Amino acid sequence: MGMTKKQLSQKKANIKAKLEVLSKKAKLDPLKKNKALHDEIADLQRALAEAD
């Protein structure tokens, strides 16, 4: 069974909030030494694009 519109909007809001927090951390890591952080940001951006 699929997700309701409310569930989809909550999921999308959660992804955006997490992305906001991680992007603040990524600004402190301009040389991309923390590869896992940047990979997670890329995954969240991909998930956000799929949610639209």
N, C-alpha and C. Protein backbone atom coordinates (compact mmCIF):
# COMPACT_ATOMS: atom_id res chain seq x y z
N MET A 1 0.83 -1.17 0.00
CA MET A 1 0.00 0.00 0.00
C MET A 1 0.88 1.25 0.00
N GLY A 2 0.47 2.25 -0.72
CA GLY A 2 1.27 3.46 -0.86
C GLY A 2 1.15 4.38 0.34
N MET A 3 1.92 5.43 0.28
CA MET A 3 1.91 6.42 1.36
C MET A 3 0.86 7.48 1.07
N THR A 4 0.27 8.01 2.13
CA THR A 4 -0.72 9.07 1.96
C THR A 4 -0.01 10.38 1.66
N LYS A 5 -0.77 11.38 1.25
CA LYS A 5 -0.18 12.68 0.95
C LYS A 5 0.46 13.29 2.19
N LYS A 6 -0.19 13.08 3.33
CA LYS A 6 0.35 13.61 4.58
C LYS A 6 1.69 12.96 4.91
N GLN A 7 1.76 11.64 4.74
CA GLN A 7 3.01 10.93 5.01
C GLN A 7 4.11 11.38 4.06
N LEU A 8 3.76 11.58 2.79
CA LEU A 8 4.75 12.04 1.81
C LEU A 8 5.27 13.42 2.16
N SER A 9 4.38 14.31 2.58
CA SER A 9 4.83 15.67 2.92
C SER A 9 5.68 15.66 4.19
N GLN A 10 5.35 14.78 5.15
CA GLN A 10 6.17 14.66 6.36
C GLN A 10 7.55 14.12 6.02
N LYS A 11 7.59 13.13 5.15
CA LYS A 11 8.87 12.53 4.74
C LYS A 11 9.73 13.58 4.05
N LYS A 12 9.12 14.37 3.18
CA LYS A 12 9.82 15.40 2.45
C LYS A 12 10.35 16.48 3.40
N ALA A 13 9.54 16.85 4.38
CA ALA A 13 9.96 17.86 5.37
C ALA A 13 11.11 17.34 6.22
N ASN A 14 11.07 16.06 6.58
CA ASN A 14 12.15 15.46 7.37
C ASN A 14 13.45 15.44 6.58
N ILE A 15 13.37 15.12 5.30
CA ILE A 15 14.56 15.09 4.45
C ILE A 15 15.14 16.50 4.33
N LYS A 16 14.28 17.50 4.15
CA LYS A 16 14.75 18.88 4.02
C LYS A 16 15.42 19.35 5.30
N ALA A 17 14.84 19.00 6.45
CA ALA A 17 15.42 19.41 7.73
C ALA A 17 16.80 18.78 7.94
N LYS A 18 16.89 17.50 7.64
CA LYS A 18 18.17 16.79 7.80
C LYS A 18 19.21 17.35 6.84
N LEU A 19 18.78 17.66 5.63
CA LEU A 19 19.68 18.22 4.63
C LEU A 19 20.19 19.59 5.07
N GLU A 20 19.33 20.37 5.70
CA GLU A 20 19.73 21.69 6.19
C GLU A 20 20.83 21.58 7.26
N VAL A 21 20.65 20.65 8.18
CA VAL A 21 21.65 20.44 9.25
C VAL A 21 22.97 19.96 8.66
N LEU A 22 22.90 19.01 7.75
CA LEU A 22 24.13 18.46 7.17
C LEU A 22 24.85 19.47 6.29
N SER A 23 24.11 20.33 5.61
CA SER A 23 24.77 21.30 4.74
C SER A 23 25.52 22.35 5.57
N LYS A 24 25.03 22.62 6.78
CA LYS A 24 25.78 23.53 7.66
C LYS A 24 27.11 22.90 8.06
N LYS A 25 27.09 21.60 8.33
CA LYS A 25 28.33 20.89 8.66
C LYS A 25 29.26 20.83 7.45
N ALA A 26 28.69 20.68 6.27
CA ALA A 26 29.49 20.57 5.06
C ALA A 26 30.20 21.88 4.73
N LYS A 27 29.59 23.00 5.12
CA LYS A 27 30.25 24.29 4.87
C LYS A 27 31.55 24.40 5.66
N LEU A 28 31.63 23.69 6.77
CA LEU A 28 32.84 23.71 7.59
C LEU A 28 33.89 22.73 7.06
N ASP A 29 33.53 21.97 6.04
CA ASP A 29 34.43 20.96 5.46
C ASP A 29 34.56 21.19 3.95
N PRO A 30 35.17 22.32 3.56
CA PRO A 30 35.23 22.63 2.13
C PRO A 30 36.12 21.70 1.31
N LEU A 31 37.07 21.03 1.96
CA LEU A 31 37.97 20.14 1.23
C LEU A 31 37.40 18.73 1.09
N LYS A 32 36.22 18.53 1.61
CA LYS A 32 35.51 17.24 1.55
C LYS A 32 36.34 16.10 2.15
N LYS A 33 36.93 16.39 3.31
CA LYS A 33 37.68 15.35 4.01
C LYS A 33 36.74 14.32 4.61
N ASN A 34 35.54 14.75 5.01
CA ASN A 34 34.54 13.85 5.56
C ASN A 34 33.66 13.36 4.41
N LYS A 35 34.12 12.33 3.72
CA LYS A 35 33.44 11.83 2.53
C LYS A 35 32.04 11.30 2.86
N ALA A 36 31.88 10.68 4.02
CA ALA A 36 30.58 10.13 4.40
C ALA A 36 29.53 11.22 4.51
N LEU A 37 29.92 12.37 5.03
CA LEU A 37 29.00 13.49 5.15
C LEU A 37 28.51 13.95 3.78
N HIS A 38 29.44 14.10 2.87
CA HIS A 38 29.08 14.58 1.53
C HIS A 38 28.29 13.52 0.75
N ASP A 39 28.58 12.25 0.99
CA ASP A 39 27.81 11.18 0.36
C ASP A 39 26.38 11.16 0.87
N GLU A 40 26.22 11.39 2.18
CA GLU A 40 24.87 11.41 2.76
C GLU A 40 24.07 12.58 2.23
N ILE A 41 24.71 13.72 2.04
CA ILE A 41 24.03 14.88 1.47
C ILE A 41 23.57 14.57 0.05
N ALA A 42 24.43 13.93 -0.72
CA ALA A 42 24.06 13.58 -2.10
C ALA A 42 22.89 12.60 -2.11
N ASP A 43 22.90 11.63 -1.18
CA ASP A 43 21.81 10.67 -1.10
C ASP A 43 20.50 11.35 -0.73
N LEU A 44 20.55 12.29 0.21
CA LEU A 44 19.35 13.00 0.62
C LEU A 44 18.81 13.87 -0.51
N GLN A 45 19.70 14.49 -1.26
CA GLN A 45 19.26 15.31 -2.38
C GLN A 45 18.59 14.44 -3.44
N ARG A 46 19.14 13.25 -3.64
CA ARG A 46 18.55 12.30 -4.60
C ARG A 46 17.17 11.86 -4.11
N ALA A 47 17.05 11.57 -2.81
CA ALA A 47 15.77 11.13 -2.24
C ALA A 47 14.74 12.24 -2.31
N LEU A 48 15.18 13.47 -2.10
CA LEU A 48 14.28 14.63 -2.17
C LEU A 48 13.77 14.82 -3.61
N ALA A 49 14.64 14.59 -4.58
CA ALA A 49 14.24 14.70 -5.98
C ALA A 49 13.21 13.61 -6.33
N GLU A 50 13.40 12.42 -5.77
CA GLU A 50 12.46 11.33 -6.03
C GLU A 50 11.11 11.60 -5.37
N ALA A 51 11.12 12.29 -4.24
CA ALA A 51 9.88 12.57 -3.50
C ALA A 51 9.00 13.57 -4.24
N ASP A 52 9.61 14.37 -5.09
CA ASP A 52 8.82 15.37 -5.83
C ASP A 52 8.04 14.78 -6.96
